[in-house]
Amino acid sequence: MAEFKYEIVERIAILSENGKWTKELNKVSWNGRTAKYDLRDWNHEDEKIGKGITLTDEEIQVLKETLDKIF
């Protein structure tokens, strides 16, 4: 499996906690690329990363507008 690197550039919010795991919204740079919004589960204590999604600035803006309409 190919090695990958990440850097959490900005911690935005912890949405929930379940034991050692937290669901977080952060700005993350993957493999030295430009940081994107990242929503996923993290276990910082054991250095594990769950499945998640990354969103560009444009995608997060569309998501915000959609959530504003819902709520």
PDB file of N, CA and C in Angstrom:
ATOM      1  N   MET A   1       0.845  -1.180   0.000  1.00  0.00           N
ATOM      2  CA  MET A   1       0.000   0.000   0.000  1.00  0.00           C
ATOM      3  C   MET A   1       0.892   1.245   0.000  1.00  0.00           C
ATOM      4  N   ALA A   2       0.558   2.200  -0.835  1.00  0.00           N
ATOM      5  CA  ALA A   2       1.344   3.417  -0.957  1.00  0.00           C
ATOM      6  C   ALA A   2       1.245   4.251   0.315  1.00  0.00           C
ATOM      7  N   GLU A   3       2.376   4.821   0.710  1.00  0.00           N
ATOM      8  CA  GLU A   3       2.400   5.669   1.891  1.00  0.00           C
ATOM      9  C   GLU A   3       1.837   7.042   1.543  1.00  0.00           C
ATOM     10  N   PHE A   4       1.108   7.638   2.476  1.00  0.00           N
ATOM     11  CA  PHE A   4       0.596   8.978   2.245  1.00  0.00           C
ATOM     12  C   PHE A   4       0.870   9.828   3.468  1.00  0.00           C
ATOM     13  N   LYS A   5       0.913  11.139   3.237  1.00  0.00           N
ATOM     14  CA  LYS A   5       1.169  12.086   4.314  1.00  0.00           C
ATOM     15  C   LYS A   5       0.003  13.054   4.393  1.00  0.00           C
ATOM     16  N   TYR A   6      -0.230  13.555   5.595  1.00  0.00           N
ATOM     17  CA  TYR A   6      -1.258  14.563   5.763  1.00  0.00           C
ATOM     18  C   TYR A   6      -0.820  15.570   6.810  1.00  0.00           C
ATOM     19  N   GLU A   7      -1.367  16.755   6.689  1.00  0.00           N
ATOM     20  CA  GLU A   7      -1.147  17.800   7.685  1.00  0.00           C
ATOM     21  C   GLU A   7      -2.479  18.485   7.944  1.00  0.00           C
ATOM     22  N   ILE A   8      -2.913  18.493   9.198  1.00  0.00           N
ATOM     23  CA  ILE A   8      -4.114  19.236   9.555  1.00  0.00           C
ATOM     24  C   ILE A   8      -3.700  20.698   9.659  1.00  0.00           C
ATOM     25  N   VAL A   9      -4.115  21.483   8.683  1.00  0.00           N
ATOM     26  CA  VAL A   9      -3.735  22.885   8.591  1.00  0.00           C
ATOM     27  C   VAL A   9      -4.582  23.743   9.528  1.00  0.00           C
ATOM     28  N   GLU A  10      -5.867  23.399   9.652  1.00  0.00           N
ATOM     29  CA  GLU A  10      -6.780  24.152  10.515  1.00  0.00           C
ATOM     30  C   GLU A  10      -7.810  23.198  11.106  1.00  0.00           C
ATOM     31  N   ARG A  11      -7.933  23.212  12.408  1.00  0.00           N
ATOM     32  CA  ARG A  11      -8.968  22.433  13.091  1.00  0.00           C
ATOM     33  C   ARG A  11     -10.191  23.336  13.213  1.00  0.00           C
ATOM     34  N   ILE A  12     -11.305  22.916  12.620  1.00  0.00           N
ATOM     35  CA  ILE A  12     -12.496  23.762  12.571  1.00  0.00           C
ATOM     36  C   ILE A  12     -13.514  23.363  13.622  1.00  0.00           C
ATOM     37  N   ALA A  13     -13.872  22.074  13.685  1.00  0.00           N
ATOM     38  CA  ALA A  13     -14.899  21.656  14.644  1.00  0.00           C
ATOM     39  C   ALA A  13     -14.835  20.161  14.893  1.00  0.00           C
ATOM     40  N   ILE A  14     -15.135  19.777  16.133  1.00  0.00           N
ATOM     41  CA  ILE A  14     -15.395  18.384  16.469  1.00  0.00           C
ATOM     42  C   ILE A  14     -16.913  18.247  16.509  1.00  0.00           C
ATOM     43  N   LEU A  15     -17.456  17.424  15.632  1.00  0.00           N
ATOM     44  CA  LEU A  15     -18.902  17.285  15.508  1.00  0.00           C
ATOM     45  C   LEU A  15     -19.469  16.271  16.489  1.00  0.00           C
ATOM     46  N   SER A  16     -18.699  15.227  16.798  1.00  0.00           N
ATOM     47  CA  SER A  16     -19.148  14.230  17.771  1.00  0.00           C
ATOM     48  C   SER A  16     -17.949  13.443  18.265  1.00  0.00           C
ATOM     49  N   GLU A  17     -18.158  12.763  19.396  1.00  0.00           N
ATOM     50  CA  GLU A  17     -17.131  11.911  19.981  1.00  0.00           C
ATOM     51  C   GLU A  17     -17.748  10.558  20.321  1.00  0.00           C
ATOM     52  N   ASN A  18     -16.972   9.500  20.083  1.00  0.00           N
ATOM     53  CA  ASN A  18     -17.412   8.149  20.400  1.00  0.00           C
ATOM     54  C   ASN A  18     -16.190   7.373  20.866  1.00  0.00           C
ATOM     55  N   GLY A  19     -15.968   7.339  22.174  1.00  0.00           N
ATOM     56  CA  GLY A  19     -14.766   6.701  22.699  1.00  0.00           C
ATOM     57  C   GLY A  19     -13.541   7.490  22.287  1.00  0.00           C
ATOM     58  N   LYS A  20     -12.569   6.791  21.683  1.00  0.00           N
ATOM     59  CA  LYS A  20     -11.339   7.434  21.221  1.00  0.00           C
ATOM     60  C   LYS A  20     -11.532   8.175  19.901  1.00  0.00           C
ATOM     61  N   TRP A  21     -12.650   7.951  19.218  1.00  0.00           N
ATOM     62  CA  TRP A  21     -12.878   8.500  17.882  1.00  0.00           C
ATOM     63  C   TRP A  21     -13.640   9.819  17.948  1.00  0.00           C
ATOM     64  N   THR A  22     -13.266  10.731  17.065  1.00  0.00           N
ATOM     65  CA  THR A  22     -13.998  11.988  16.911  1.00  0.00           C
ATOM     66  C   THR A  22     -14.315  12.187  15.438  1.00  0.00           C
ATOM     67  N   LYS A  23     -15.488  12.748  15.173  1.00  0.00           N
ATOM     68  CA  LYS A  23     -15.846  13.137  13.801  1.00  0.00           C
ATOM     69  C   LYS A  23     -15.536  14.623  13.710  1.00  0.00           C
ATOM     70  N   GLU A  24     -14.646  14.991  12.780  1.00  0.00           N
ATOM     71  CA  GLU A  24     -14.135  16.353  12.728  1.00  0.00           C
ATOM     72  C   GLU A  24     -14.244  16.970  11.337  1.00  0.00           C
ATOM     73  N   LEU A  25     -14.406  18.289  11.347  1.00  0.00           N
ATOM     74  CA  LEU A  25     -14.280  19.089  10.130  1.00  0.00           C
ATOM     75  C   LEU A  25     -12.992  19.880  10.273  1.00  0.00           C
ATOM     76  N   ASN A  26     -12.067  19.637   9.359  1.00  0.00           N
ATOM     77  CA  ASN A  26     -10.756  20.289   9.378  1.00  0.00           C
ATOM     78  C   ASN A  26     -10.386  20.723   7.961  1.00  0.00           C
ATOM     79  N   LYS A  27      -9.341  21.545   7.866  1.00  0.00           N
ATOM     80  CA  LYS A  27      -8.686  21.792   6.581  1.00  0.00           C
ATOM     81  C   LYS A  27      -7.436  20.934   6.601  1.00  0.00           C
ATOM     82  N   VAL A  28      -7.316  20.026   5.619  1.00  0.00           N
ATOM     83  CA  VAL A  28      -6.221  19.061   5.606  1.00  0.00           C
ATOM     84  C   VAL A  28      -5.513  19.095   4.259  1.00  0.00           C
ATOM     85  N   SER A  29      -4.196  19.066   4.314  1.00  0.00           N
ATOM     86  CA  SER A  29      -3.370  18.924   3.121  1.00  0.00           C
ATOM     87  C   SER A  29      -2.958  17.462   3.030  1.00  0.00           C
ATOM     88  N   TRP A  30      -3.325  16.816   1.935  1.00  0.00           N
ATOM     89  CA  TRP A  30      -2.970  15.413   1.706  1.00  0.00           C
ATOM     90  C   TRP A  30      -1.824  15.355   0.710  1.00  0.00           C
ATOM     91  N   ASN A  31      -0.744  14.684   1.079  1.00  0.00           N
ATOM     92  CA  ASN A  31       0.424  14.498   0.212  1.00  0.00           C
ATOM     93  C   ASN A  31       0.974  15.807  -0.336  1.00  0.00           C
ATOM     94  N   GLY A  32       0.982  16.850   0.516  1.00  0.00           N
ATOM     95  CA  GLY A  32       1.573  18.127   0.135  1.00  0.00           C
ATOM     96  C   GLY A  32       0.722  18.983  -0.792  1.00  0.00           C
ATOM     97  N   ARG A  33      -0.497  18.548  -1.069  1.00  0.00           N
ATOM     98  CA  ARG A  33      -1.372  19.317  -1.960  1.00  0.00           C
ATOM     99  C   ARG A  33      -2.037  20.458  -1.199  1.00  0.00           C
ATOM    100  N   THR A  34      -2.729  21.317  -1.922  1.00  0.00           N
ATOM    101  CA  THR A  34      -3.476  22.408  -1.316  1.00  0.00           C
ATOM    102  C   THR A  34      -4.501  21.846  -0.341  1.00  0.00           C
ATOM    103  N   ALA A  35      -4.603  22.477   0.833  1.00  0.00           N
ATOM    104  CA  ALA A  35      -5.533  22.000   1.858  1.00  0.00           C
ATOM    105  C   ALA A  35      -6.973  22.144   1.389  1.00  0.00           C
ATOM    106  N   LYS A  36      -7.788  21.145   1.735  1.00  0.00           N
ATOM    107  CA  LYS A  36      -9.216  21.145   1.429  1.00  0.00           C
ATOM    108  C   LYS A  36      -9.977  20.893   2.720  1.00  0.00           C
ATOM    109  N   TYR A  37     -11.257  21.216   2.705  1.00  0.00           N
ATOM    110  CA  TYR A  37     -12.109  20.873   3.832  1.00  0.00           C
ATOM    111  C   TYR A  37     -12.218  19.358   3.892  1.00  0.00           C
ATOM    112  N   ASP A  38     -12.165  18.819   5.087  1.00  0.00           N
ATOM    113  CA  ASP A  38     -12.112  17.382   5.259  1.00  0.00           C
ATOM    114  C   ASP A  38     -13.032  16.991   6.406  1.00  0.00           C
ATOM    115  N   LEU A  39     -13.966  16.095   6.139  1.00  0.00           N
ATOM    116  CA  LEU A  39     -14.916  15.610   7.143  1.00  0.00           C
ATOM    117  C   LEU A  39     -14.703  14.114   7.290  1.00  0.00           C
ATOM    118  N   ARG A  40     -14.221  13.684   8.488  1.00  0.00           N
ATOM    119  CA  ARG A  40     -13.950  12.262   8.688  1.00  0.00           C
ATOM    120  C   ARG A  40     -13.789  11.949  10.163  1.00  0.00           C
ATOM    121  N   ASP A  41     -13.705  10.643  10.456  1.00  0.00           N
ATOM    122  CA  ASP A  41     -13.448  10.160  11.809  1.00  0.00           C
ATOM    123  C   ASP A  41     -11.938  10.091  12.026  1.00  0.00           C
ATOM    124  N   TRP A  42     -11.528  10.524  13.226  1.00  0.00           N
ATOM    125  CA  TRP A  42     -10.117  10.505  13.606  1.00  0.00           C
ATOM    126  C   TRP A  42      -9.966   9.835  14.956  1.00  0.00           C
ATOM    127  N   ASN A  43      -8.893   9.075  15.105  1.00  0.00           N
ATOM    128  CA  ASN A  43      -8.475   8.545  16.397  1.00  0.00           C
ATOM    129  C   ASN A  43      -7.040   9.029  16.574  1.00  0.00           C
ATOM    130  N   HIS A  44      -6.882  10.229  17.118  1.00  0.00           N
ATOM    131  CA  HIS A  44      -5.562  10.832  17.233  1.00  0.00           C
ATOM    132  C   HIS A  44      -4.669  10.055  18.193  1.00  0.00           C
ATOM    133  N   GLU A  45      -5.267   9.463  19.226  1.00  0.00           N
ATOM    134  CA  GLU A  45      -4.494   8.724  20.231  1.00  0.00           C
ATOM    135  C   GLU A  45      -3.745   7.552  19.604  1.00  0.00           C
ATOM    136  N   ASP A  46      -4.419   6.790  18.758  1.00  0.00           N
ATOM    137  CA  ASP A  46      -3.808   5.629  18.109  1.00  0.00           C
ATOM    138  C   ASP A  46      -3.345   5.926  16.685  1.00  0.00           C
ATOM    139  N   GLU A  47      -3.416   7.200  16.287  1.00  0.00           N
ATOM    140  CA  GLU A  47      -3.000   7.648  14.953  1.00  0.00           C
ATOM    141  C   GLU A  47      -3.712   6.880  13.840  1.00  0.00           C
ATOM    142  N   LYS A  48      -5.037   6.765  13.971  1.00  0.00           N
ATOM    143  CA  LYS A  48      -5.845   6.096  12.949  1.00  0.00           C
ATOM    144  C   LYS A  48      -6.781   7.115  12.309  1.00  0.00           C
ATOM    145  N   ILE A  49      -7.064   6.882  11.034  1.00  0.00           N
ATOM    146  CA  ILE A  49      -7.928   7.770  10.265  1.00  0.00           C
ATOM    147  C   ILE A  49      -9.050   6.939   9.669  1.00  0.00           C
ATOM    148  N   GLY A  50     -10.294   7.396   9.843  1.00  0.00           N
ATOM    149  CA  GLY A  50     -11.438   6.715   9.264  1.00  0.00           C
ATOM    150  C   GLY A  50     -11.737   7.221   7.863  1.00  0.00           C
ATOM    151  N   LYS A  51     -12.724   6.617   7.249  1.00  0.00           N
ATOM    152  CA  LYS A  51     -13.159   7.067   5.926  1.00  0.00           C
ATOM    153  C   LYS A  51     -13.808   8.430   6.045  1.00  0.00           C
ATOM    154  N   GLY A  52     -13.701   9.209   4.988  1.00  0.00           N
ATOM    155  CA  GLY A  52     -14.284  10.538   5.012  1.00  0.00           C
ATOM    156  C   GLY A  52     -14.369  11.114   3.615  1.00  0.00           C
ATOM    157  N   ILE A  53     -14.643  12.406   3.571  1.00  0.00           N
ATOM    158  CA  ILE A  53     -14.726  13.107   2.285  1.00  0.00           C
ATOM    159  C   ILE A  53     -13.932  14.401   2.370  1.00  0.00           C
ATOM    160  N   THR A  54     -13.447  14.847   1.221  1.00  0.00           N
ATOM    161  CA  THR A  54     -12.804  16.150   1.120  1.00  0.00           C
ATOM    162  C   THR A  54     -13.649  17.020   0.200  1.00  0.00           C
ATOM    163  N   LEU A  55     -13.679  18.304   0.514  1.00  0.00           N
ATOM    164  CA  LEU A  55     -14.483  19.256  -0.250  1.00  0.00           C
ATOM    165  C   LEU A  55     -13.647  20.488  -0.587  1.00  0.00           C
ATOM    166  N   THR A  56     -13.772  20.963  -1.810  1.00  0.00           N
ATOM    167  CA  THR A  56     -13.119  22.201  -2.211  1.00  0.00           C
ATOM    168  C   THR A  56     -13.855  23.383  -1.585  1.00  0.00           C
ATOM    169  N   ASP A  57     -13.288  24.570  -1.704  1.00  0.00           N
ATOM    170  CA  ASP A  57     -13.959  25.779  -1.207  1.00  0.00           C
ATOM    171  C   ASP A  57     -15.333  25.942  -1.860  1.00  0.00           C
ATOM    172  N   GLU A  58     -15.407  25.675  -3.150  1.00  0.00           N
ATOM    173  CA  GLU A  58     -16.674  25.809  -3.870  1.00  0.00           C
ATOM    174  C   GLU A  58     -17.699  24.782  -3.381  1.00  0.00           C
ATOM    175  N   GLU A  59     -17.262  23.553  -3.170  1.00  0.00           N
ATOM    176  CA  GLU A  59     -18.176  22.501  -2.704  1.00  0.00           C
ATOM    177  C   GLU A  59     -18.689  22.778  -1.294  1.00  0.00           C
ATOM    178  N   ILE A  60     -17.827  23.282  -0.413  1.00  0.00           N
ATOM    179  CA  ILE A  60     -18.272  23.570   0.950  1.00  0.00           C
ATOM    180  C   ILE A  60     -19.256  24.738   0.949  1.00  0.00           C
ATOM    181  N   GLN A  61     -19.086  25.679   0.011  1.00  0.00           N
ATOM    182  CA  GLN A  61     -20.028  26.801  -0.103  1.00  0.00           C
ATOM    183  C   GLN A  61     -21.402  26.298  -0.553  1.00  0.00           C
ATOM    184  N   VAL A  62     -21.450  25.394  -1.514  1.00  0.00           N
ATOM    185  CA  VAL A  62     -22.718  24.811  -1.960  1.00  0.00           C
ATOM    186  C   VAL A  62     -23.366  24.033  -0.819  1.00  0.00           C
ATOM    187  N   LEU A  63     -22.569  23.293  -0.068  1.00  0.00           N
ATOM    188  CA  LEU A  63     -23.092  22.550   1.078  1.00  0.00           C
ATOM    189  C   LEU A  63     -23.680  23.506   2.112  1.00  0.00           C
ATOM    190  N   LYS A  64     -22.981  24.594   2.404  1.00  0.00           N
ATOM    191  CA  LYS A  64     -23.480  25.590   3.351  1.00  0.00           C
ATOM    192  C   LYS A  64     -24.808  26.166   2.890  1.00  0.00           C
ATOM    193  N   GLU A  65     -24.888  26.552   1.628  1.00  0.00           N
ATOM    194  CA  GLU A  65     -26.126  27.119   1.089  1.00  0.00           C
ATOM    195  C   GLU A  65     -27.269  26.104   1.172  1.00  0.00           C
ATOM    196  N   THR A  66     -26.980  24.856   0.887  1.00  0.00           N
ATOM    197  CA  THR A  66     -27.996  23.803   0.973  1.00  0.00           C
ATOM    198  C   THR A  66     -28.466  23.614   2.398  1.00  0.00           C
ATOM    199  N   LEU A  67     -27.538  23.567   3.349  1.00  0.00           N
ATOM    200  CA  LEU A  67     -27.908  23.420   4.761  1.00  0.00           C
ATOM    201  C   LEU A  67     -28.689  24.625   5.262  1.00  0.00           C
ATOM    202  N   ASP A  68     -28.336  25.830   4.788  1.00  0.00           N
ATOM    203  CA  ASP A  68     -29.095  27.028   5.167  1.00  0.00           C
ATOM    204  C   ASP A  68     -30.553  26.919   4.715  1.00  0.00           C
ATOM    205  N   LYS A  69     -30.787  26.344   3.538  1.00  0.00           N
ATOM    206  CA  LYS A  69     -32.152  26.175   3.035  1.00  0.00           C
ATOM    207  C   LYS A  69     -32.925  25.153   3.871  1.00  0.00           C
ATOM    208  N   ILE A  70     -32.243  24.103   4.316  1.00  0.00           N
ATOM    209  CA  ILE A  70     -32.891  23.054   5.090  1.00  0.00           C
ATOM    210  C   ILE A  70     -33.238  23.545   6.494  1.00  0.00           C
ATOM    211  N   PHE A  71     -32.329  24.277   7.101  1.00  0.00           N
ATOM    212  CA  PHE A  71     -32.506  24.709   8.476  1.00  0.00           C
ATOM    213  C   PHE A  71     -32.794  26.183   8.529  1.00  0.00           C
TER     214      PHE A  71
END
